[in-house]
Amino acid sequence: MVDLHLHTYYSDGTLSPEALVERAARRGITTIAITDHDGVNGISEALDAGKKYGVKVIPSIELSTGMVNEDQQIYMHILGYHININNEPLKRAVEEIRKKREERNIKLFRTLNKIGFQLDKEDLLQRPEQDYVGKPNFALAMTKRGYINNPKDAFTPGKYLRHPEIRKIHREKIHVKEAISLINGAGGKAVLAHPYKIAFLRCDNEGDYERLERLLDSLQEWGLSGMECYYSTHTPEQAEKLVEIAKRRGLLITSGSDFHGPDFNPALDIGVTGGVF
């Protein structure tokens, strides 16, 4: 059993790399990928833990990207598997990406305070020496402050982190073509993450699948190798459709939970790659 989409506390997860690997071993998962957002700092620890607990760990990353497609600005995540974590172009790109994220976080922090959610910067830190803050960290902080019952509530449409003022805040993202090139240049394989979460697509009817096909035309031309077909919020029918598309196109088929830690969603755990709503 595998899970190729996991986050540690080196990005916006809540578990250390070792704790994540140990949890995977207890759940009978034999192969995992650490796909922290825009960073690889937890990979070495995870590899050591993999040897300790008998779990194969694939060095990986998840990059947030953007592009203009059919006259629309769209955003998507690209997973990179089997990367060389010491690749210099990738390391430089990650450093620049993190600077942009920090700039975005300052705007998020100020806007949340402005609309009535008083947070201190210390609220956003879940561990000593933490150097990454993502939206899930804001969700955890709001939960600790008592504004919401659990981190999942922070993503309620129209409220909290989905408030109209918050949704106006975007950080500059690298172009998807550049992300794929960085992953391939680091010896990895680039995979499109959770297609049904791309707002541009929706995939509710055949017309939406045609848009996905056209998007994949561009991504494959730029070097995309695979697509995440099995994902925690995909229905069996959705997964089946993506698998059919991937097979026809010669794309690798991957499976991932996108697990960030036990504090976020009691229905989601390592190895759960479908049926969570």
Protein backbone atom coordinates (compact mmCIF):
# COMPACT_ATOMS: atom_id res chain seq x y z
CA MET A 1 0.00 0.00 0.00
CA VAL A 2 1.32 3.45 -0.91
CA ASP A 3 0.56 7.10 -0.15
CA LEU A 4 2.38 9.57 -2.36
CA HIS A 5 1.06 12.87 -0.95
CA LEU A 6 2.01 13.66 2.66
CA HIS A 7 3.05 16.77 4.58
CA THR A 8 5.25 17.19 7.65
CA TYR A 9 5.76 20.12 9.99
CA TYR A 10 8.46 21.37 7.64
CA SER A 11 5.57 22.83 5.65
CA ASP A 12 1.98 22.97 6.92
CA GLY A 13 1.65 19.52 8.47
CA THR A 14 1.69 18.93 12.22
CA LEU A 15 3.86 15.79 12.50
CA SER A 16 7.63 15.48 12.37
CA PRO A 17 9.04 13.40 9.48
CA GLU A 18 9.80 10.54 11.87
CA ALA A 19 6.34 10.62 13.44
CA LEU A 20 4.78 10.60 9.97
CA VAL A 21 6.88 7.62 8.85
CA GLU A 22 6.13 5.75 12.08
CA ARG A 23 2.40 6.38 11.61
CA ALA A 24 2.63 5.08 8.05
CA ALA A 25 4.36 1.91 9.25
CA ARG A 26 1.67 1.32 11.90
CA ARG A 27 -0.98 1.64 9.20
CA GLY A 28 0.72 -0.89 6.95
CA ILE A 29 1.88 1.62 4.35
CA THR A 30 5.01 0.33 2.62
CA THR A 31 5.88 3.34 0.40
CA ILE A 32 5.31 7.04 1.00
CA ALA A 33 6.31 10.34 -0.54
CA ILE A 34 7.04 13.40 1.59
CA THR A 35 5.60 16.22 -0.52
CA ASP A 36 6.04 19.30 1.63
CA HIS A 37 5.02 22.58 0.05
CA ASP A 38 7.88 24.45 -1.58
CA GLY A 39 10.63 22.76 0.43
CA VAL A 40 12.66 19.63 1.06
CA ASN A 41 14.01 20.21 4.58
CA GLY A 42 12.24 17.18 6.05
CA ILE A 43 13.40 14.67 3.45
CA SER A 44 16.65 13.58 5.11
CA GLU A 45 14.92 12.95 8.44
CA ALA A 46 12.20 10.99 6.68
CA LEU A 47 14.72 8.84 4.81
CA ASP A 48 16.46 7.96 8.08
CA ALA A 49 13.11 7.16 9.68
CA GLY A 50 12.18 5.02 6.68
CA LYS A 51 15.19 2.78 7.31
CA LYS A 52 14.24 2.57 10.98
CA TYR A 53 10.61 1.60 10.42
CA GLY A 54 10.90 -0.33 7.16
CA VAL A 55 9.08 2.20 4.98
CA LYS A 56 10.33 3.28 1.55
CA VAL A 57 10.44 7.10 1.43
CA ILE A 58 10.45 8.87 -1.94
CA PRO A 59 12.09 12.35 -1.87
CA SER A 60 9.42 14.66 -3.24
CA ILE A 61 7.98 18.17 -3.24
CA GLU A 62 4.72 20.01 -4.00
CA LEU A 63 4.95 23.29 -5.91
CA SER A 64 2.14 25.85 -6.20
CA THR A 65 1.97 27.15 -9.76
CA GLY A 66 -0.04 29.39 -12.04
CA MET A 67 -0.62 30.01 -15.70
CA VAL A 68 -3.04 31.72 -18.06
CA ASN A 69 -5.23 29.20 -19.85
CA GLU A 70 -8.10 30.09 -22.18
CA ASP A 71 -7.80 33.73 -21.04
CA GLN A 72 -8.14 32.77 -17.38
CA GLN A 73 -5.55 32.87 -14.61
CA ILE A 74 -5.58 29.40 -13.09
CA TYR A 75 -3.68 27.79 -10.26
CA MET A 76 -2.62 24.19 -9.78
CA HIS A 77 -0.20 22.12 -7.72
CA ILE A 78 2.57 20.06 -9.26
CA LEU A 79 4.08 17.15 -7.36
CA GLY A 80 7.69 16.19 -8.02
CA TYR A 81 8.81 12.64 -7.22
CA HIS A 82 12.29 11.11 -6.89
CA ILE A 83 13.96 14.52 -6.91
CA ASN A 84 17.56 15.29 -6.02
CA ILE A 85 17.08 17.48 -2.95
CA ASN A 86 20.55 19.01 -3.45
CA ASN A 87 19.81 20.26 -6.96
CA GLU A 88 20.95 23.90 -6.95
CA PRO A 89 18.36 25.39 -9.38
CA LEU A 90 15.56 23.78 -7.36
CA LYS A 91 17.02 25.02 -4.06
CA ARG A 92 17.30 28.58 -5.40
CA ALA A 93 13.74 28.50 -6.72
CA VAL A 94 12.41 27.21 -3.40
CA GLU A 95 14.15 30.04 -1.54
CA GLU A 96 12.51 32.63 -3.78
CA ILE A 97 9.11 30.95 -3.51
CA ARG A 98 9.31 31.04 0.27
CA LYS A 99 10.03 34.77 0.22
CA LYS A 100 6.85 35.31 -1.79
CA ARG A 101 4.91 33.18 0.70
CA GLU A 102 6.19 35.27 3.62
CA GLU A 103 5.01 38.44 1.86
CA ARG A 104 1.58 36.85 1.34
CA ASN A 105 1.39 35.78 4.98
CA ILE A 106 1.92 39.32 6.21
CA LYS A 107 -1.09 40.42 4.15
CA LEU A 108 -3.17 37.49 5.43
CA PHE A 109 -2.26 38.26 9.03
CA ARG A 110 -3.21 41.94 8.71
CA THR A 111 -6.46 41.23 6.87
CA LEU A 112 -7.60 38.59 9.37
CA ASN A 113 -7.04 41.05 12.18
CA LYS A 114 -8.90 43.72 10.21
CA ILE A 115 -12.01 41.54 9.76
CA GLY A 116 -12.14 40.58 13.42
CA PHE A 117 -9.81 37.65 14.03
CA GLN A 118 -7.12 38.87 16.39
CA LEU A 119 -4.04 36.67 16.09
CA ASP A 120 -0.50 37.06 17.30
CA LYS A 121 2.36 35.91 15.11
CA GLU A 122 3.25 33.39 17.81
CA ASP A 123 -0.16 31.76 17.28
CA LEU A 124 0.99 30.68 13.82
CA LEU A 125 3.94 28.67 15.11
CA GLN A 126 3.37 25.05 16.05
CA ARG A 127 6.97 24.19 16.91
CA PRO A 128 10.34 25.83 17.72
CA GLU A 129 12.41 27.01 14.75
CA GLN A 130 9.43 26.77 12.40
CA ASP A 131 10.28 28.58 9.16
CA TYR A 132 7.13 27.86 7.14
CA VAL A 133 3.59 29.18 7.59
CA GLY A 134 0.76 28.19 5.27
CA LYS A 135 -3.00 28.58 5.43
CA PRO A 136 -3.42 25.39 7.51
CA ASN A 137 -1.22 27.04 10.15
CA PHE A 138 -3.62 29.99 10.19
CA ALA A 139 -6.48 27.50 10.55
CA LEU A 140 -4.78 25.86 13.55
CA ALA A 141 -4.20 29.28 15.13
CA MET A 142 -7.86 30.25 14.71
CA THR A 143 -8.88 26.97 16.31
CA LYS A 144 -6.60 27.52 19.31
CA ARG A 145 -8.02 31.02 19.72
CA GLY A 146 -11.56 29.64 19.77
CA TYR A 147 -12.81 31.36 16.63
CA ILE A 148 -13.64 28.00 15.04
CA ASN A 149 -14.23 24.48 16.35
CA ASN A 150 -11.67 22.74 14.15
CA PRO A 151 -9.20 23.70 11.40
CA LYS A 152 -11.51 22.41 8.66
CA ASP A 153 -14.04 25.14 9.57
CA ALA A 154 -11.52 27.79 8.49
CA PHE A 155 -12.21 26.84 4.87
CA THR A 156 -15.99 27.32 5.03
CA PRO A 157 -17.11 29.09 1.82
CA GLY A 158 -17.49 32.83 2.37
CA LYS A 159 -16.03 32.82 5.88
CA TYR A 160 -12.68 32.87 7.70
CA LEU A 161 -9.94 31.91 5.20
CA ARG A 162 -12.59 31.93 2.45
CA HIS A 163 -13.78 35.45 3.35
CA PRO A 164 -13.99 37.71 0.25
CA GLU A 165 -11.26 40.01 1.61
CA ILE A 166 -8.96 37.05 2.24
CA ARG A 167 -9.61 35.57 -1.19
CA LYS A 168 -8.32 38.77 -2.78
CA ILE A 169 -4.87 37.98 -1.42
CA HIS A 170 -2.69 35.97 -3.76
CA ARG A 171 0.99 35.30 -3.76
CA GLU A 172 3.03 35.35 -6.91
CA LYS A 173 3.45 31.78 -8.13
CA ILE A 174 5.91 30.30 -10.56
CA HIS A 175 4.64 29.30 -13.99
CA VAL A 176 3.68 25.64 -14.22
CA LYS A 177 6.11 25.20 -17.12
CA GLU A 178 8.96 26.37 -14.88
CA ALA A 179 7.86 24.06 -12.06
CA ILE A 180 7.85 21.04 -14.35
CA SER A 181 11.25 22.04 -15.72
CA LEU A 182 12.69 22.39 -12.19
CA ILE A 183 11.41 18.96 -11.19
CA ASN A 184 12.68 17.30 -14.35
CA GLY A 185 16.01 19.11 -13.99
CA ALA A 186 16.32 17.67 -10.49
CA GLY A 187 15.95 14.18 -11.91
CA GLY A 188 12.32 13.85 -10.87
CA LYS A 189 8.92 13.11 -12.35
CA ALA A 190 6.31 15.90 -12.46
CA VAL A 191 2.72 14.95 -11.62
CA LEU A 192 -0.45 17.04 -11.68
CA ALA A 193 -1.97 17.02 -8.17
CA HIS A 194 -5.70 16.56 -7.40
CA PRO A 195 -7.21 17.77 -10.72
CA TYR A 196 -10.70 18.11 -9.24
CA LYS A 197 -9.45 20.87 -6.94
CA ILE A 198 -8.48 23.08 -9.87
CA ALA A 199 -11.23 25.72 -9.90
CA PHE A 200 -10.77 26.22 -13.65
CA LEU A 201 -11.99 22.66 -14.30
CA ARG A 202 -14.67 21.51 -11.84
CA CYS A 203 -15.12 18.39 -14.03
CA ASP A 204 -18.90 18.22 -13.57
CA ASN A 205 -19.65 17.44 -17.20
CA GLU A 206 -18.00 16.38 -20.44
CA GLY A 207 -17.14 19.98 -21.36
CA ASP A 208 -15.05 20.25 -18.21
CA TYR A 209 -13.17 17.08 -19.09
CA GLU A 210 -12.44 18.54 -22.49
CA ARG A 211 -10.84 21.49 -20.71
CA LEU A 212 -8.76 19.09 -18.65
CA GLU A 213 -7.65 17.35 -21.84
CA ARG A 214 -6.57 20.65 -23.38
CA LEU A 215 -4.72 21.58 -20.20
CA LEU A 216 -2.94 18.23 -20.22
CA ASP A 217 -1.92 18.84 -23.84
CA SER A 218 0.12 21.84 -22.67
CA LEU A 219 1.42 20.21 -19.49
CA GLN A 220 2.62 17.10 -21.31
CA GLU A 221 4.29 19.22 -23.96
CA TRP A 222 6.23 20.86 -21.11
CA GLY A 223 7.25 17.52 -19.63
CA LEU A 224 4.47 16.39 -17.26
CA SER A 225 4.85 12.68 -16.44
CA GLY A 226 1.76 11.79 -14.42
CA MET A 227 -1.54 12.66 -12.77
CA GLU A 228 -2.83 12.09 -9.23
CA CYS A 229 -5.91 10.02 -10.01
CA TYR A 230 -6.63 8.56 -6.58
CA TYR A 231 -7.02 11.29 -3.95
CA SER A 232 -8.72 11.55 -0.59
CA THR A 233 -11.71 13.61 -1.82
CA HIS A 234 -12.14 11.86 -5.18
CA THR A 235 -15.15 9.60 -5.60
CA PRO A 236 -14.59 6.18 -7.20
CA GLU A 237 -16.26 7.50 -10.35
CA GLN A 238 -13.98 10.52 -10.51
CA ALA A 239 -10.89 8.37 -9.98
CA GLU A 240 -12.03 5.97 -12.69
CA LYS A 241 -12.42 8.82 -15.18
CA LEU A 242 -8.97 10.21 -14.39
CA VAL A 243 -7.40 6.78 -14.69
CA GLU A 244 -8.97 6.35 -18.12
CA ILE A 245 -7.56 9.70 -19.24
CA ALA A 246 -4.12 8.99 -17.78
CA LYS A 247 -3.86 5.55 -19.38
CA ARG A 248 -4.87 6.88 -22.78
CA ARG A 249 -2.24 9.60 -22.54
CA GLY A 250 0.53 7.38 -21.19
CA LEU A 251 0.68 9.27 -17.90
CA LEU A 252 1.81 7.77 -14.62
CA ILE A 253 -1.09 7.16 -12.21
CA THR A 254 -0.48 8.18 -8.60
CA SER A 255 -2.40 7.96 -5.36
CA GLY A 256 -2.25 10.26 -2.33
CA SER A 257 -4.15 11.31 0.77
CA ASP A 258 -2.78 14.84 1.23
CA PHE A 259 -2.59 14.09 4.95
CA HIS A 260 -1.42 17.07 7.04
CA GLY A 261 -1.80 15.55 10.50
CA PRO A 262 -4.47 14.16 12.81
CA ASP A 263 -5.66 17.61 13.92
CA PHE A 264 -7.29 18.56 10.63
CA ASN A 265 -9.85 15.95 9.63
CA PRO A 266 -10.72 12.82 11.66
CA ALA A 267 -11.86 11.04 8.48
CA LEU A 268 -8.49 11.46 6.80
CA ASP A 269 -5.35 9.48 7.57
CA ILE A 270 -2.30 8.15 5.79
CA GLY A 271 -3.35 5.72 3.08
CA VAL A 272 -6.90 7.11 2.72
CA THR A 273 -7.00 7.95 -0.98
CA GLY A 274 -10.69 8.26 -1.74
CA GLY A 275 -14.15 8.83 -0.34
CA VAL A 276 -13.45 11.66 2.13
CA PHE A 277 -15.95 14.51 1.68
